[in-house]
Amino acid sequence: MAEKKKNELAEKLLYKPKNGFDRISAAEMKKVEAYCDDYKKFLDHGKTERLCVDYCVELAKKQGFKPYKAGMKLKAGDKVYFDNRGKGIMLAVIGTESLAAGINIGAAHTDSPRLDLKPRPLYEEAEMAYLKTHHYGGIRKYQWVTIPLALHGVVVLANGKTVSVSIGEEEGEPQFIINDLLPHLGREQGKKPLNEAIPSESLNVLIGSKPIGDEDAKDRFKLGVMKLINDKYGFVEEDFISAELEVVPAGKAGDTGFDRSFISAYGHDDRVCAYAELAGIFDAKKPKKTAVCIFADKEEIGS
């Protein structure tokens, strides 16, 4: 009897975690899968914070959001967004209650750990051309060697024109890599602690090896790459100084496991939260309190 009472009390008072798959219906599961498909598209289109803003604006316009302008009169039900110089964005659905009653804010950062190019990144060594990088955010350095990489960002030319760079994501485009030692050449490397085996200074991106000029010509491997860059994008080496170029893992989001129960992709941190708040504000039809969605471009700003 005592054991029976104990079990009844435990049933009444104690929390028993339940697997998410056991808590939802088949109809709800279809909604989950549809949400995840849209989330993967968001990850594919938003490899950097700038690209997240671009895609957010594209989606917001389809949902009836209008760009906000200073002094603009707003009423309940209006949907507006404000693009903060292409790096951050704020969306709002105006509620029926006064702002004095408060608002509901969802905020997340859309930057993720990555490699940024240094101001003077281009150099050549051992008959190959490289780009010097420094890592942004906390990265596991060993995860970044020998994987396909893509390059995204903007370059402002001397004439003031802004050029967008995106290469390594689409089929047929070249990709980049950070080379590493072969196992039989890296025995000493293998003896080092995990955080020391791949030093930050070695995370330089291999970008070419076809030279221009005679064998005695100076910087001929660096020049060969720079000519290709100039032909495609129109900028010169000096433009790297003011450029904002980011190196990220190439490839699209995919499903993991025979049952496809996981999503494998770069950038879950913190875009998993960013997309959730974006989907939420798109679902906000006639809120009582004004609903606000914020994408910040730095982790320390919003999460």
C-alpha atoms as a PDB file:
ATOM      1  CA  MET A   1       0.000   0.000   0.000  1.00  0.00           C
ATOM      2  CA  ALA A   2       2.838   2.374   0.887  1.00  0.00           C
ATOM      3  CA  GLU A   3       4.456   1.698  -2.480  1.00  0.00           C
ATOM      4  CA  LYS A   4       1.174   2.351  -4.297  1.00  0.00           C
ATOM      5  CA  LYS A   5       0.736   5.706  -2.538  1.00  0.00           C
ATOM      6  CA  LYS A   6       4.314   6.603  -3.333  1.00  0.00           C
ATOM      7  CA  ASN A   7       3.767   5.888  -7.022  1.00  0.00           C
ATOM      8  CA  GLU A   8       0.553   7.904  -7.043  1.00  0.00           C
ATOM      9  CA  LEU A   9       2.312  10.807  -5.361  1.00  0.00           C
ATOM     10  CA  ALA A  10       5.213  10.615  -7.800  1.00  0.00           C
ATOM     11  CA  GLU A  11       2.774  10.593 -10.728  1.00  0.00           C
ATOM     12  CA  LYS A  12       1.087  13.674  -9.333  1.00  0.00           C
ATOM     13  CA  LEU A  13       4.130  15.718  -8.294  1.00  0.00           C
ATOM     14  CA  LEU A  14       7.177  14.695 -10.317  1.00  0.00           C
ATOM     15  CA  TYR A  15       8.018  15.759 -13.851  1.00  0.00           C
ATOM     16  CA  LYS A  16       8.578  12.981 -16.355  1.00  0.00           C
ATOM     17  CA  PRO A  17      10.319  14.179 -19.503  1.00  0.00           C
ATOM     18  CA  LYS A  18       8.819  12.854 -22.714  1.00  0.00           C
ATOM     19  CA  ASN A  19      10.547  12.598 -26.081  1.00  0.00           C
ATOM     20  CA  GLY A  20       9.274  15.226 -28.491  1.00  0.00           C
ATOM     21  CA  PHE A  21       8.326  12.618 -31.082  1.00  0.00           C
ATOM     22  CA  ASP A  22       6.029  11.015 -28.499  1.00  0.00           C
ATOM     23  CA  ARG A  23       4.271  14.301 -27.789  1.00  0.00           C
ATOM     24  CA  ILE A  24       3.091  15.353 -31.246  1.00  0.00           C
ATOM     25  CA  SER A  25       0.517  14.032 -33.678  1.00  0.00           C
ATOM     26  CA  ALA A  26       1.123  13.034 -37.296  1.00  0.00           C
ATOM     27  CA  ALA A  27      -0.475  16.302 -38.437  1.00  0.00           C
ATOM     28  CA  GLU A  28       1.833  18.297 -36.169  1.00  0.00           C
ATOM     29  CA  MET A  29       4.804  16.318 -37.465  1.00  0.00           C
ATOM     30  CA  LYS A  30       4.054  17.501 -40.997  1.00  0.00           C
ATOM     31  CA  LYS A  31       4.113  21.099 -39.750  1.00  0.00           C
ATOM     32  CA  VAL A  32       7.442  20.446 -38.023  1.00  0.00           C
ATOM     33  CA  GLU A  33       8.943  19.079 -41.239  1.00  0.00           C
ATOM     34  CA  ALA A  34       7.626  22.018 -43.290  1.00  0.00           C
ATOM     35  CA  TYR A  35       9.122  24.440 -40.749  1.00  0.00           C
ATOM     36  CA  CYS A  36      12.480  22.653 -40.913  1.00  0.00           C
ATOM     37  CA  ASP A  37      12.487  22.784 -44.725  1.00  0.00           C
ATOM     38  CA  ASP A  38      11.997  26.563 -44.582  1.00  0.00           C
ATOM     39  CA  TYR A  39      14.653  26.846 -41.868  1.00  0.00           C
ATOM     40  CA  LYS A  40      17.166  25.019 -44.078  1.00  0.00           C
ATOM     41  CA  LYS A  41      16.443  27.498 -46.882  1.00  0.00           C
ATOM     42  CA  PHE A  42      17.107  30.315 -44.413  1.00  0.00           C
ATOM     43  CA  LEU A  43      20.471  28.761 -43.510  1.00  0.00           C
ATOM     44  CA  ASP A  44      21.389  28.323 -47.177  1.00  0.00           C
ATOM     45  CA  HIS A  45      20.535  31.927 -48.022  1.00  0.00           C
ATOM     46  CA  GLY A  46      22.022  33.379 -44.822  1.00  0.00           C
ATOM     47  CA  LYS A  47      25.646  32.265 -44.607  1.00  0.00           C
ATOM     48  CA  THR A  48      26.600  35.720 -43.250  1.00  0.00           C
ATOM     49  CA  GLU A  49      24.749  38.409 -41.319  1.00  0.00           C
ATOM     50  CA  ARG A  50      24.467  40.541 -44.473  1.00  0.00           C
ATOM     51  CA  LEU A  51      22.947  37.649 -46.397  1.00  0.00           C
ATOM     52  CA  CYS A  52      20.527  37.011 -43.511  1.00  0.00           C
ATOM     53  CA  VAL A  53      19.270  40.588 -43.828  1.00  0.00           C
ATOM     54  CA  ASP A  54      18.921  40.296 -47.616  1.00  0.00           C
ATOM     55  CA  TYR A  55      16.882  37.100 -47.340  1.00  0.00           C
ATOM     56  CA  CYS A  56      14.823  38.470 -44.456  1.00  0.00           C
ATOM     57  CA  VAL A  57      13.851  41.506 -46.565  1.00  0.00           C
ATOM     58  CA  GLU A  58      12.919  39.215 -49.459  1.00  0.00           C
ATOM     59  CA  LEU A  59      10.672  37.095 -47.234  1.00  0.00           C
ATOM     60  CA  ALA A  60       9.211  40.100 -45.394  1.00  0.00           C
ATOM     61  CA  LYS A  61       8.105  41.777 -48.604  1.00  0.00           C
ATOM     62  CA  LYS A  62       6.243  38.616 -49.593  1.00  0.00           C
ATOM     63  CA  GLN A  63       4.488  38.774 -46.209  1.00  0.00           C
ATOM     64  CA  GLY A  64       3.348  42.345 -46.834  1.00  0.00           C
ATOM     65  CA  PHE A  65       5.945  44.210 -44.773  1.00  0.00           C
ATOM     66  CA  LYS A  66       6.854  47.726 -45.915  1.00  0.00           C
ATOM     67  CA  PRO A  67      10.104  49.621 -45.286  1.00  0.00           C
ATOM     68  CA  TYR A  68       9.786  52.008 -42.347  1.00  0.00           C
ATOM     69  CA  LYS A  69      10.652  55.672 -42.897  1.00  0.00           C
ATOM     70  CA  ALA A  70      11.129  58.289 -40.185  1.00  0.00           C
ATOM     71  CA  GLY A  71       7.887  60.096 -39.395  1.00  0.00           C
ATOM     72  CA  MET A  72       5.759  57.398 -40.980  1.00  0.00           C
ATOM     73  CA  LYS A  73       2.289  57.140 -39.373  1.00  0.00           C
ATOM     74  CA  LEU A  74       1.417  53.644 -38.219  1.00  0.00           C
ATOM     75  CA  LYS A  75      -1.804  51.998 -37.142  1.00  0.00           C
ATOM     76  CA  ALA A  76      -2.793  48.651 -35.669  1.00  0.00           C
ATOM     77  CA  GLY A  77      -2.060  45.816 -38.073  1.00  0.00           C
ATOM     78  CA  ASP A  78       0.641  47.640 -40.053  1.00  0.00           C
ATOM     79  CA  LYS A  79       3.739  45.572 -40.843  1.00  0.00           C
ATOM     80  CA  VAL A  80       7.052  47.400 -41.258  1.00  0.00           C
ATOM     81  CA  TYR A  81      10.784  46.690 -41.300  1.00  0.00           C
ATOM     82  CA  PHE A  82      13.923  48.799 -40.905  1.00  0.00           C
ATOM     83  CA  ASP A  83      17.141  47.711 -42.614  1.00  0.00           C
ATOM     84  CA  ASN A  84      20.142  48.903 -40.584  1.00  0.00           C
ATOM     85  CA  ARG A  85      22.799  49.381 -43.287  1.00  0.00           C
ATOM     86  CA  GLY A  86      22.545  45.808 -44.470  1.00  0.00           C
ATOM     87  CA  LYS A  87      23.985  44.360 -41.230  1.00  0.00           C
ATOM     88  CA  GLY A  88      20.928  44.235 -38.954  1.00  0.00           C
ATOM     89  CA  ILE A  89      17.172  44.467 -39.333  1.00  0.00           C
ATOM     90  CA  MET A  90      14.090  45.122 -37.220  1.00  0.00           C
ATOM     91  CA  LEU A  91      10.558  44.060 -38.139  1.00  0.00           C
ATOM     92  CA  ALA A  92       7.349  45.034 -36.342  1.00  0.00           C
ATOM     93  CA  VAL A  93       3.648  44.241 -36.474  1.00  0.00           C
ATOM     94  CA  ILE A  94       1.774  47.084 -34.807  1.00  0.00           C
ATOM     95  CA  GLY A  95      -0.577  45.953 -32.046  1.00  0.00           C
ATOM     96  CA  THR A  96      -3.991  47.191 -31.011  1.00  0.00           C
ATOM     97  CA  GLU A  97      -2.764  48.303 -27.583  1.00  0.00           C
ATOM     98  CA  SER A  98      -0.753  51.448 -26.885  1.00  0.00           C
ATOM     99  CA  LEU A  99       3.026  51.109 -26.673  1.00  0.00           C
ATOM    100  CA  ALA A 100       2.604  52.293 -23.082  1.00  0.00           C
ATOM    101  CA  ALA A 101       1.188  48.834 -22.351  1.00  0.00           C
ATOM    102  CA  GLY A 102       4.479  47.275 -23.495  1.00  0.00           C
ATOM    103  CA  ILE A 103       5.684  45.348 -26.528  1.00  0.00           C
ATOM    104  CA  ASN A 104       6.885  41.817 -27.231  1.00  0.00           C
ATOM    105  CA  ILE A 105      10.440  41.607 -28.540  1.00  0.00           C
ATOM    106  CA  GLY A 106      12.286  38.644 -29.990  1.00  0.00           C
ATOM    107  CA  ALA A 107      16.012  39.229 -30.634  1.00  0.00           C
ATOM    108  CA  ALA A 108      18.820  37.049 -31.964  1.00  0.00           C
ATOM    109  CA  HIS A 109      22.253  37.498 -33.478  1.00  0.00           C
ATOM    110  CA  THR A 110      22.859  36.318 -37.034  1.00  0.00           C
ATOM    111  CA  ASP A 111      26.661  36.250 -37.021  1.00  0.00           C
ATOM    112  CA  SER A 112      28.339  32.862 -36.589  1.00  0.00           C
ATOM    113  CA  PRO A 113      31.920  31.709 -35.975  1.00  0.00           C
ATOM    114  CA  ARG A 114      33.881  32.141 -39.197  1.00  0.00           C
ATOM    115  CA  LEU A 115      37.170  33.299 -40.724  1.00  0.00           C
ATOM    116  CA  ASP A 116      37.598  36.957 -41.706  1.00  0.00           C
ATOM    117  CA  LEU A 117      40.204  38.080 -44.209  1.00  0.00           C
ATOM    118  CA  LYS A 118      42.963  40.276 -42.846  1.00  0.00           C
ATOM    119  CA  PRO A 119      43.295  43.807 -44.319  1.00  0.00           C
ATOM    120  CA  ARG A 120      46.215  42.705 -46.537  1.00  0.00           C
ATOM    121  CA  PRO A 121      45.443  39.021 -46.964  1.00  0.00           C
ATOM    122  CA  LEU A 122      46.950  38.034 -50.325  1.00  0.00           C
ATOM    123  CA  TYR A 123      50.382  36.389 -50.378  1.00  0.00           C
ATOM    124  CA  GLU A 124      52.232  33.552 -52.094  1.00  0.00           C
ATOM    125  CA  GLU A 125      54.366  30.770 -50.677  1.00  0.00           C
ATOM    126  CA  ALA A 126      55.807  27.553 -52.127  1.00  0.00           C
ATOM    127  CA  GLU A 127      54.352  28.406 -55.559  1.00  0.00           C
ATOM    128  CA  MET A 128      50.812  28.784 -54.228  1.00  0.00           C
ATOM    129  CA  ALA A 129      48.618  31.789 -53.470  1.00  0.00           C
ATOM    130  CA  TYR A 130      46.836  32.207 -50.124  1.00  0.00           C
ATOM    131  CA  LEU A 131      44.581  34.546 -48.178  1.00  0.00           C
ATOM    132  CA  LYS A 132      45.483  35.281 -44.554  1.00  0.00           C
ATOM    133  CA  THR A 133      42.611  35.077 -42.072  1.00  0.00           C
ATOM    134  CA  HIS A 134      41.813  35.643 -38.434  1.00  0.00           C
ATOM    135  CA  HIS A 135      39.031  33.705 -36.777  1.00  0.00           C
ATOM    136  CA  TYR A 136      35.879  35.448 -35.610  1.00  0.00           C
ATOM    137  CA  GLY A 137      34.118  33.918 -32.640  1.00  0.00           C
ATOM    138  CA  GLY A 138      35.045  30.737 -30.863  1.00  0.00           C
ATOM    139  CA  ILE A 139      35.998  28.116 -33.438  1.00  0.00           C
ATOM    140  CA  ARG A 140      37.388  24.596 -33.252  1.00  0.00           C
ATOM    141  CA  LYS A 141      40.372  25.229 -35.510  1.00  0.00           C
ATOM    142  CA  TYR A 142      40.868  21.574 -36.473  1.00  0.00           C
ATOM    143  CA  GLN A 143      37.349  21.550 -37.979  1.00  0.00           C
ATOM    144  CA  TRP A 144      38.288  24.183 -40.581  1.00  0.00           C
ATOM    145  CA  VAL A 145      41.133  22.390 -42.369  1.00  0.00           C
ATOM    146  CA  THR A 146      40.578  20.308 -45.529  1.00  0.00           C
ATOM    147  CA  ILE A 147      36.873  21.167 -45.842  1.00  0.00           C
ATOM    148  CA  PRO A 148      35.334  23.023 -48.821  1.00  0.00           C
ATOM    149  CA  LEU A 149      35.057  26.744 -48.121  1.00  0.00           C
ATOM    150  CA  ALA A 150      33.152  29.640 -49.700  1.00  0.00           C
ATOM    151  CA  LEU A 151      33.814  33.382 -49.724  1.00  0.00           C
ATOM    152  CA  HIS A 152      31.123  36.019 -49.101  1.00  0.00           C
ATOM    153  CA  GLY A 153      31.108  39.739 -48.452  1.00  0.00           C
ATOM    154  CA  VAL A 154      31.358  43.223 -49.900  1.00  0.00           C
ATOM    155  CA  VAL A 155      34.169  45.304 -51.354  1.00  0.00           C
ATOM    156  CA  VAL A 156      33.986  49.086 -51.703  1.00  0.00           C
ATOM    157  CA  LEU A 157      35.994  50.254 -54.717  1.00  0.00           C
ATOM    158  CA  ALA A 158      37.967  53.500 -54.954  1.00  0.00           C
ATOM    159  CA  ASN A 159      35.133  55.060 -56.989  1.00  0.00           C
ATOM    160  CA  GLY A 160      32.654  54.370 -54.173  1.00  0.00           C
ATOM    161  CA  LYS A 161      30.925  51.473 -55.900  1.00  0.00           C
ATOM    162  CA  THR A 162      30.076  48.496 -53.675  1.00  0.00           C
ATOM    163  CA  VAL A 163      30.677  45.045 -55.123  1.00  0.00           C
ATOM    164  CA  SER A 164      29.087  41.937 -53.609  1.00  0.00           C
ATOM    165  CA  VAL A 165      31.227  38.793 -53.575  1.00  0.00           C
ATOM    166  CA  SER A 166      29.777  35.303 -53.315  1.00  0.00           C
ATOM    167  CA  ILE A 167      31.737  32.356 -54.618  1.00  0.00           C
ATOM    168  CA  GLY A 168      31.879  28.673 -53.733  1.00  0.00           C
ATOM    169  CA  GLU A 169      28.220  27.860 -53.087  1.00  0.00           C
ATOM    170  CA  GLU A 170      26.738  27.188 -56.513  1.00  0.00           C
ATOM    171  CA  GLU A 171      27.362  24.148 -58.674  1.00  0.00           C
ATOM    172  CA  GLY A 172      30.305  24.707 -61.007  1.00  0.00           C
ATOM    173  CA  GLU A 173      31.860  27.474 -58.904  1.00  0.00           C
ATOM    174  CA  PRO A 174      35.368  27.018 -57.486  1.00  0.00           C
ATOM    175  CA  GLN A 175      35.740  26.450 -53.768  1.00  0.00           C
ATOM    176  CA  PHE A 176      38.614  27.012 -51.366  1.00  0.00           C
ATOM    177  CA  ILE A 177      40.434  25.020 -48.717  1.00  0.00           C
ATOM    178  CA  ILE A 178      42.909  25.267 -45.841  1.00  0.00           C
ATOM    179  CA  ASN A 179      45.517  22.598 -46.469  1.00  0.00           C
ATOM    180  CA  ASP A 180      46.891  20.335 -43.741  1.00  0.00           C
ATOM    181  CA  LEU A 181      49.684  17.802 -43.299  1.00  0.00           C
ATOM    182  CA  LEU A 182      49.331  14.202 -44.431  1.00  0.00           C
ATOM    183  CA  PRO A 183      49.240  11.706 -41.526  1.00  0.00           C
ATOM    184  CA  HIS A 184      52.772  10.361 -42.152  1.00  0.00           C
ATOM    185  CA  LEU A 185      54.132  13.938 -42.246  1.00  0.00           C
ATOM    186  CA  GLY A 186      52.166  15.153 -39.236  1.00  0.00           C
ATOM    187  CA  ARG A 187      53.410  12.843 -36.477  1.00  0.00           C
ATOM    188  CA  GLU A 188      54.758  15.750 -34.415  1.00  0.00           C
ATOM    189  CA  GLN A 189      51.537  17.648 -34.993  1.00  0.00           C
ATOM    190  CA  GLY A 190      49.595  14.646 -33.701  1.00  0.00           C
ATOM    191  CA  LYS A 191      51.445  14.786 -30.376  1.00  0.00           C
ATOM    192  CA  LYS A 192      50.243  18.310 -29.636  1.00  0.00           C
ATOM    193  CA  PRO A 193      47.109  19.196 -27.616  1.00  0.00           C
ATOM    194  CA  LEU A 194      43.942  19.739 -29.653  1.00  0.00           C
ATOM    195  CA  ASN A 195      44.036  23.534 -29.369  1.00  0.00           C
ATOM    196  CA  GLU A 196      47.707  23.734 -30.404  1.00  0.00           C
ATOM    197  CA  ALA A 197      47.915  21.246 -33.275  1.00  0.00           C
ATOM    198  CA  ILE A 198      46.357  23.727 -35.716  1.00  0.00           C
ATOM    199  CA  PRO A 199      47.598  27.234 -34.774  1.00  0.00           C
ATOM    200  CA  SER A 200      45.499  30.246 -35.747  1.00  0.00           C
ATOM    201  CA  GLU A 201      48.307  31.551 -37.952  1.00  0.00           C
ATOM    202  CA  SER A 202      48.053  28.460 -40.182  1.00  0.00           C
ATOM    203  CA  LEU A 203      44.375  29.032 -41.095  1.00  0.00           C
ATOM    204  CA  ASN A 204      45.267  30.532 -44.451  1.00  0.00           C
ATOM    205  CA  VAL A 205      43.022  29.807 -47.421  1.00  0.00           C
ATOM    206  CA  LEU A 206      44.514  28.241 -50.546  1.00  0.00           C
ATOM    207  CA  ILE A 207      43.189  30.114 -53.590  1.00  0.00           C
ATOM    208  CA  GLY A 208      45.393  29.238 -56.562  1.00  0.00           C
ATOM    209  CA  SER A 209      48.662  28.033 -58.098  1.00  0.00           C
ATOM    210  CA  LYS A 210      48.654  29.147 -61.758  1.00  0.00           C
ATOM    211  CA  PRO A 211      51.389  31.754 -62.298  1.00  0.00           C
ATOM    212  CA  ILE A 212      51.595  34.709 -64.672  1.00  0.00           C
ATOM    213  CA  GLY A 213      54.972  35.623 -66.178  1.00  0.00           C
ATOM    214  CA  ASP A 214      58.390  34.007 -66.401  1.00  0.00           C
ATOM    215  CA  GLU A 215      60.007  31.869 -63.725  1.00  0.00           C
ATOM    216  CA  ASP A 216      61.989  34.848 -62.476  1.00  0.00           C
ATOM    217  CA  ALA A 217      58.932  37.158 -62.254  1.00  0.00           C
ATOM    218  CA  LYS A 218      58.064  38.451 -58.794  1.00  0.00           C
ATOM    219  CA  ASP A 219      54.711  37.589 -57.186  1.00  0.00           C
ATOM    220  CA  ARG A 220      53.620  35.660 -60.271  1.00  0.00           C
ATOM    221  CA  PHE A 221      51.298  33.270 -58.385  1.00  0.00           C
ATOM    222  CA  LYS A 222      49.732  36.109 -56.427  1.00  0.00           C
ATOM    223  CA  LEU A 223      49.387  38.080 -59.666  1.00  0.00           C
ATOM    224  CA  GLY A 224      47.701  35.155 -61.433  1.00  0.00           C
ATOM    225  CA  VAL A 225      44.938  35.074 -58.813  1.00  0.00           C
ATOM    226  CA  MET A 226      44.637  38.865 -58.613  1.00  0.00           C
ATOM    227  CA  LYS A 227      44.037  39.093 -62.357  1.00  0.00           C
ATOM    228  CA  LEU A 228      41.152  36.601 -62.123  1.00  0.00           C
ATOM    229  CA  ILE A 229      39.652  38.560 -59.220  1.00  0.00           C
ATOM    230  CA  ASN A 230      40.009  41.828 -61.123  1.00  0.00           C
ATOM    231  CA  ASP A 231      38.442  40.369 -64.272  1.00  0.00           C
ATOM    232  CA  LYS A 232      35.406  39.094 -62.342  1.00  0.00           C
ATOM    233  CA  TYR A 233      34.861  41.742 -59.667  1.00  0.00           C
ATOM    234  CA  GLY A 234      36.828  44.767 -60.823  1.00  0.00           C
ATOM    235  CA  PHE A 235      38.827  45.379 -57.678  1.00  0.00           C
ATOM    236  CA  VAL A 236      42.570  45.581 -57.026  1.00  0.00           C
ATOM    237  CA  GLU A 237      44.682  44.395 -54.108  1.00  0.00           C
ATOM    238  CA  GLU A 238      44.416  47.718 -52.254  1.00  0.00           C
ATOM    239  CA  ASP A 239      40.616  47.278 -52.098  1.00  0.00           C
ATOM    240  CA  PHE A 240      41.091  44.336 -49.722  1.00  0.00           C
ATOM    241  CA  ILE A 241      42.020  46.849 -47.014  1.00  0.00           C
ATOM    242  CA  SER A 242      38.477  48.203 -46.718  1.00  0.00           C
ATOM    243  CA  ALA A 243      36.703  45.007 -47.781  1.00  0.00           C
ATOM    244  CA  GLU A 244      34.493  42.909 -45.523  1.00  0.00           C
ATOM    245  CA  LEU A 245      35.020  39.340 -46.707  1.00  0.00           C
ATOM    246  CA  GLU A 246      34.132  36.220 -44.732  1.00  0.00           C
ATOM    247  CA  VAL A 247      35.174  32.599 -45.237  1.00  0.00           C
ATOM    248  CA  VAL A 248      32.523  30.034 -44.295  1.00  0.00           C
ATOM    249  CA  PRO A 249      31.940  26.316 -44.929  1.00  0.00           C
ATOM    250  CA  ALA A 250      30.587  25.718 -48.431  1.00  0.00           C
ATOM    251  CA  GLY A 251      27.541  23.613 -49.165  1.00  0.00           C
ATOM    252  CA  LYS A 252      23.857  23.558 -48.374  1.00  0.00           C
ATOM    253  CA  ALA A 253      21.979  22.410 -45.290  1.00  0.00           C
ATOM    254  CA  GLY A 254      21.021  18.741 -45.334  1.00  0.00           C
ATOM    255  CA  ASP A 255      19.378  16.003 -43.308  1.00  0.00           C
ATOM    256  CA  THR A 256      21.336  13.662 -41.064  1.00  0.00           C
ATOM    257  CA  GLY A 257      20.476  10.070 -40.202  1.00  0.00           C
ATOM    258  CA  PHE A 258      18.461   7.410 -42.006  1.00  0.00           C
ATOM    259  CA  ASP A 259      15.346   8.918 -40.447  1.00  0.00           C
ATOM    260  CA  ARG A 260      16.390  12.499 -41.319  1.00  0.00           C
ATOM    261  CA  SER A 261      15.817  13.535 -37.719  1.00  0.00           C
ATOM    262  CA  PHE A 262      18.703  16.036 -37.570  1.00  0.00           C
ATOM    263  CA  ILE A 263      19.747  19.020 -39.684  1.00  0.00           C
ATOM    264  CA  SER A 264      23.404  19.280 -40.658  1.00  0.00           C
ATOM    265  CA  ALA A 265      24.381  22.827 -41.535  1.00  0.00           C
ATOM    266  CA  TYR A 266      26.722  25.688 -40.774  1.00  0.00           C
ATOM    267  CA  GLY A 267      25.342  28.584 -38.727  1.00  0.00           C
ATOM    268  CA  HIS A 268      22.825  27.093 -36.271  1.00  0.00           C
ATOM    269  CA  ASP A 269      24.316  29.491 -33.697  1.00  0.00           C
ATOM    270  CA  ASP A 270      22.307  31.726 -33.511  1.00  0.00           C
ATOM    271  CA  ARG A 271      20.294  31.525 -36.723  1.00  0.00           C
ATOM    272  CA  VAL A 272      18.149  28.769 -35.230  1.00  0.00           C
ATOM    273  CA  CYS A 273      16.775  31.486 -32.918  1.00  0.00           C
ATOM    274  CA  ALA A 274      16.724  34.165 -35.627  1.00  0.00           C
ATOM    275  CA  TYR A 275      14.542  32.071 -37.921  1.00  0.00           C
ATOM    276  CA  ALA A 276      12.212  31.112 -35.057  1.00  0.00           C
ATOM    277  CA  GLU A 277      11.468  34.747 -34.227  1.00  0.00           C
ATOM    278  CA  LEU A 278      11.103  35.592 -37.919  1.00  0.00           C
ATOM    279  CA  ALA A 279       8.584  32.780 -38.430  1.00  0.00           C
ATOM    280  CA  GLY A 280       6.811  33.968 -35.286  1.00  0.00           C
ATOM    281  CA  ILE A 281       6.370  37.541 -36.442  1.00  0.00           C
ATOM    282  CA  PHE A 282       5.147  36.347 -39.834  1.00  0.00           C
ATOM    283  CA  ASP A 283       2.441  34.439 -37.940  1.00  0.00           C
ATOM    284  CA  ALA A 284       1.457  37.513 -35.903  1.00  0.00           C
ATOM    285  CA  LYS A 285      -1.749  38.706 -37.592  1.00  0.00           C
ATOM    286  CA  LYS A 286      -3.558  41.007 -35.147  1.00  0.00           C
ATOM    287  CA  PRO A 287      -1.487  41.105 -31.956  1.00  0.00           C
ATOM    288  CA  LYS A 288      -2.647  43.058 -28.920  1.00  0.00           C
ATOM    289  CA  LYS A 289       0.889  44.136 -28.082  1.00  0.00           C
ATOM    290  CA  THR A 290       3.180  45.333 -30.850  1.00  0.00           C
ATOM    291  CA  ALA A 291       5.449  42.446 -31.909  1.00  0.00           C
ATOM    292  CA  VAL A 292       9.079  43.191 -32.752  1.00  0.00           C
ATOM    293  CA  CYS A 293      11.713  40.947 -34.362  1.00  0.00           C
ATOM    294  CA  ILE A 294      15.379  41.988 -34.229  1.00  0.00           C
ATOM    295  CA  PHE A 295      18.369  40.539 -36.092  1.00  0.00           C
ATOM    296  CA  ALA A 296      21.621  41.816 -34.548  1.00  0.00           C
ATOM    297  CA  ASP A 297      24.969  41.409 -36.281  1.00  0.00           C
ATOM    298  CA  LYS A 298      27.010  40.717 -33.140  1.00  0.00           C
ATOM    299  CA  GLU A 299      26.442  38.086 -30.472  1.00  0.00           C
ATOM    300  CA  GLU A 300      27.074  40.563 -27.663  1.00  0.00           C
ATOM    301  CA  ILE A 301      24.203  42.782 -28.906  1.00  0.00           C
ATOM    302  CA  GLY A 302      21.258  40.393 -28.909  1.00  0.00           C
ATOM    303  CA  SER A 303      20.416  36.766 -28.346  1.00  0.00           C
END
